[in-house]
C-alpha cells in the first residue's frame, strides 16, 4: 500500500469536498484519534455554521490529495449529525486544533460541545507541537511537528504523551443545562 506524504492537521481546514450525498461542499475535518494514533472518528465542521457531522473512517474510504477536493466515499447514512448520544463513541479520543474552533460561541448549542472541547489535545502534547500529521486516508496519526531551536522537528506520534482514562464530564440533559465544572453552592443560597 502506497502511503505517500502525510497530511497535516492544518491541511484539513476548510477544504472542498467532492463526495456525492454529503450535506456540505466545504468543511474542516478533525480526525479523532486514540492514544496509539488510530483514527476512530472524523468530524466534519461547516465554516460559518454550527453544524457538526461525523463518520467512522472504517465505514468510509477517504482520499486527501495534496491539492483539490477531499473525496469521501461512504454508504448512505454513514455521515451523521453529531448528537449528545454520540458521546460514548468519543470517549478517550483526541483531536488537534490549536485555533480552538469548537470553542467559538456558535457551537454553544451543539449537544456534544463539552465533549468536543475537552477532546482538544493541543495543550496535552509535550513541547510546542504545531501540527499533527495523518495518513492521507485518515486512518491514523503518524507523527507531530514541533518547533525546536529555530526550526521544526518531526517526531513519531507519541503514544504515551496523552493521558489515559476518563477525562470528560457527563453531558447534562434538560433545557438550559450546560456541562461545566461542578461547584458547591454556599448554604445560604441553597433551597
Protein backbone atom coordinates (compact mmCIF):
# COMPACT_ATOMS: atom_id res chain seq x y z
CA UNK A 1 0.00 0.00 0.00
CA UNK A 2 1.45 3.35 -1.03
CA UNK A 3 1.21 5.84 1.83
CA UNK A 4 2.81 8.94 0.32
CA UNK A 5 3.28 12.22 2.12
CA UNK A 6 1.26 12.75 5.29
CA UNK A 7 -1.40 15.44 5.56
CA UNK A 8 -1.10 17.97 8.37
CA UNK A 9 -3.94 18.97 10.66
CA UNK A 10 -3.88 22.47 9.10
CA UNK A 11 -4.21 20.87 5.63
CA UNK A 12 -7.65 19.61 6.66
CA UNK A 13 -9.12 23.05 7.36
CA UNK A 14 -11.83 24.48 5.11
CA UNK A 15 -11.32 22.09 2.21
CA UNK A 16 -13.69 21.41 -0.66
CA UNK A 17 -15.36 18.03 -0.61
CA UNK A 18 -16.04 16.05 -3.77
CA UNK A 19 -18.44 13.48 -2.43
CA UNK A 20 -22.00 12.97 -3.60
CA UNK A 21 -24.53 12.66 -0.85
CA UNK A 22 -22.69 14.72 1.76
CA UNK A 23 -24.68 17.53 3.37
CA UNK A 24 -21.92 20.10 2.72
CA UNK A 25 -19.45 21.01 -0.03
CA UNK A 26 -16.77 22.67 2.14
CA UNK A 27 -15.71 21.53 5.61
CA UNK A 28 -12.90 21.39 8.14
CA UNK A 29 -12.05 17.81 9.09
CA UNK A 30 -10.96 16.91 12.60
CA UNK A 31 -9.74 13.31 12.90
CA UNK A 32 -10.40 11.96 16.42
CA UNK A 33 -7.64 9.54 17.41
CA UNK A 34 -6.77 7.35 20.37
CA UNK A 35 -3.50 7.34 22.34
CA UNK A 36 -1.92 4.93 19.87
CA UNK A 37 -2.75 7.26 16.95
CA UNK A 38 -5.54 5.19 15.35
CA UNK A 39 -8.28 7.45 13.97
CA UNK A 40 -11.67 6.22 15.23
CA UNK A 41 -13.96 9.09 14.13
CA UNK A 42 -13.70 12.08 11.80
CA UNK A 43 -15.63 15.31 12.45
CA UNK A 44 -16.85 17.50 9.59
CA UNK A 45 -17.41 21.14 10.58
CA UNK A 46 -19.01 23.56 8.13
CA UNK A 47 -17.43 27.04 8.02
CA UNK A 48 -19.80 29.72 9.30
CA UNK A 49 -22.29 27.15 10.59
CA UNK A 50 -22.79 25.38 13.90
CA UNK A 51 -23.41 22.06 12.14
CA UNK A 52 -21.08 19.25 13.19
CA UNK A 53 -21.16 15.90 11.39
CA UNK A 54 -19.10 12.76 11.92
CA UNK A 55 -18.28 9.43 10.36
CA UNK A 56 -16.37 6.31 11.24
CA UNK A 57 -13.35 6.02 8.90
CA UNK A 58 -13.76 2.22 8.96
CA UNK A 59 -17.10 2.73 7.16
CA UNK A 60 -15.78 5.16 4.55
CA UNK A 61 -12.96 5.48 2.08
CA UNK A 62 -11.16 8.81 2.38
CA UNK A 63 -8.67 10.29 -0.06
CA UNK A 64 -6.93 13.56 0.84
CA UNK A 65 -4.91 14.78 -2.16
CA UNK A 66 -2.19 17.42 -1.92
CA UNK A 67 -4.36 19.77 -3.98
CA UNK A 68 -8.02 19.74 -4.85
CA UNK A 69 -11.07 18.47 -3.02
CA UNK A 70 -11.14 15.69 -0.44
CA UNK A 71 -13.02 12.60 -1.55
CA UNK A 72 -15.14 10.70 0.97
CA UNK A 73 -16.82 7.57 -0.35
CA UNK A 74 -19.27 6.43 2.29
CA UNK A 75 -22.52 4.48 2.24
CA UNK A 76 -25.80 6.31 2.79
CA UNK A 77 -26.24 7.49 6.40
CA UNK A 78 -22.57 6.89 7.27
CA UNK A 79 -22.07 10.66 7.73
CA UNK A 80 -24.31 11.63 10.63
CA UNK A 81 -25.02 14.80 12.61
CA UNK A 82 -23.28 14.77 15.98
CA UNK A 83 -25.65 14.35 18.93
CA UNK A 84 -25.20 14.02 22.70
CA UNK A 85 -25.83 10.26 22.46
CA UNK A 86 -22.63 10.00 20.41
CA UNK A 87 -20.57 10.95 23.48
CA UNK A 88 -19.71 7.32 24.26
CA UNK A 89 -18.12 6.88 20.84
CA UNK A 90 -15.90 9.93 21.52
CA UNK A 91 -14.63 8.96 24.98
CA UNK A 92 -10.85 8.74 25.16
CA UNK A 93 -10.45 10.19 21.65
CA UNK A 94 -8.47 13.33 20.88
CA UNK A 95 -8.31 15.92 18.11
CA UNK A 96 -5.71 18.62 17.46
CA UNK A 97 -6.93 22.18 16.92
CA UNK A 98 -4.64 24.99 18.11
CA UNK A 99 -7.21 27.54 16.85
CA UNK A 100 -9.84 26.09 19.23
CA UNK A 101 -12.51 26.24 16.53
CA UNK A 102 -15.02 24.30 18.62
CA UNK A 103 -14.81 26.89 21.42
CA UNK A 104 -16.43 29.51 19.20
CA UNK A 105 -19.80 30.68 20.57
CA UNK A 106 -21.69 29.33 17.55
CA UNK A 107 -21.08 25.80 18.89
CA UNK A 108 -22.55 26.52 22.34
CA UNK A 109 -25.87 24.91 21.38
CA UNK A 110 -24.29 21.76 19.91
CA UNK A 111 -25.31 18.96 22.27
CA UNK A 112 -21.86 17.35 22.35
CA UNK A 113 -19.87 20.63 22.52
CA UNK A 114 -18.46 19.97 26.04
CA UNK A 115 -17.12 16.61 24.90
CA UNK A 116 -15.55 18.10 21.78
CA UNK A 117 -13.95 20.96 23.67
CA UNK A 118 -12.46 18.54 26.20
CA UNK A 119 -11.01 16.36 23.43
CA UNK A 120 -8.64 19.01 22.03
CA UNK A 121 -5.12 17.75 22.79
CA UNK A 122 -3.14 20.81 21.69
CA UNK A 123 -2.29 21.61 25.32
CA UNK A 124 -1.79 17.95 26.30
CA UNK A 125 1.07 17.18 23.93
CA UNK A 126 4.52 17.99 25.31
CA UNK A 127 6.59 20.80 23.83
CA UNK A 128 5.47 23.18 21.13
CA UNK A 129 3.57 20.88 18.76
CA UNK A 130 2.39 22.88 15.76
CA UNK A 131 0.90 20.07 13.64
CA UNK A 132 -0.30 16.51 13.92
CA UNK A 133 0.39 14.54 10.74
CA UNK A 134 -2.06 11.93 9.42
CA UNK A 135 -2.02 9.30 6.72
CA UNK A 136 -3.78 10.50 3.57
CA UNK A 137 -6.62 8.05 4.14
CA UNK A 138 -7.06 9.48 7.69
CA UNK A 139 -6.66 6.03 9.23
CA UNK A 140 -4.05 7.09 11.77
CA UNK A 141 -1.92 9.89 13.19
CA UNK A 142 1.68 9.31 12.12
CA UNK A 143 3.57 11.98 13.99
CA UNK A 144 3.86 15.54 15.14
CA UNK A 145 5.75 18.62 14.02
CA UNK A 146 7.22 20.63 16.83
CA UNK A 147 9.09 23.89 16.86
CA UNK A 148 12.60 23.44 18.21
CA UNK A 149 15.80 25.50 18.01
CA UNK A 150 14.51 27.89 15.37
CA UNK A 151 13.29 25.08 13.10
CA UNK A 152 10.85 22.22 13.01
CA UNK A 153 11.36 18.62 14.01
CA UNK A 154 9.21 15.63 13.05
CA UNK A 155 8.62 13.02 15.73
CA UNK A 156 6.71 9.76 15.60
CA UNK A 157 3.29 10.03 17.17
CA UNK A 158 3.77 9.97 20.97
CA UNK A 159 1.77 7.04 22.31
CA UNK A 160 2.30 7.94 25.97
CA UNK A 161 2.04 11.73 25.68
CA UNK A 162 -1.74 11.79 26.06
CA UNK A 163 -3.35 10.95 29.39
CA UNK A 164 -5.48 7.83 29.60
CA UNK A 165 -8.76 7.21 31.33
CA UNK A 166 -11.94 9.24 31.51
CA UNK A 167 -11.48 12.99 31.30
CA UNK A 168 -14.93 14.06 30.12
CA UNK A 169 -17.79 15.37 32.19
CA UNK A 170 -21.14 13.70 31.58
CA UNK A 171 -23.45 15.75 29.38
CA UNK A 172 -26.32 17.19 31.36
CA UNK A 173 -29.73 16.99 29.80
CA UNK A 174 -32.70 19.26 30.03
CA UNK A 175 -33.43 22.81 28.95
CA UNK A 176 -30.79 25.35 29.82
CA UNK A 177 -28.37 22.87 31.34
CA UNK A 178 -24.75 23.02 30.29
CA UNK A 179 -21.90 20.79 31.36
CA UNK A 180 -19.22 22.60 33.28
CA UNK A 181 -17.17 22.48 36.43
CA UNK A 182 -19.16 21.38 39.47
CA UNK A 183 -19.37 23.89 42.33
CA UNK A 184 -20.84 23.64 45.79
CA UNK A 185 -23.25 26.50 46.48
CA UNK A 186 -22.97 28.24 49.84
CA UNK A 187 -25.57 27.01 52.34
CA UNK A 188 -27.37 30.40 52.34
CA UNK A 189 -28.08 30.05 48.60
CA UNK A 190 -29.45 26.52 48.81
CA UNK A 191 -33.19 25.97 48.92
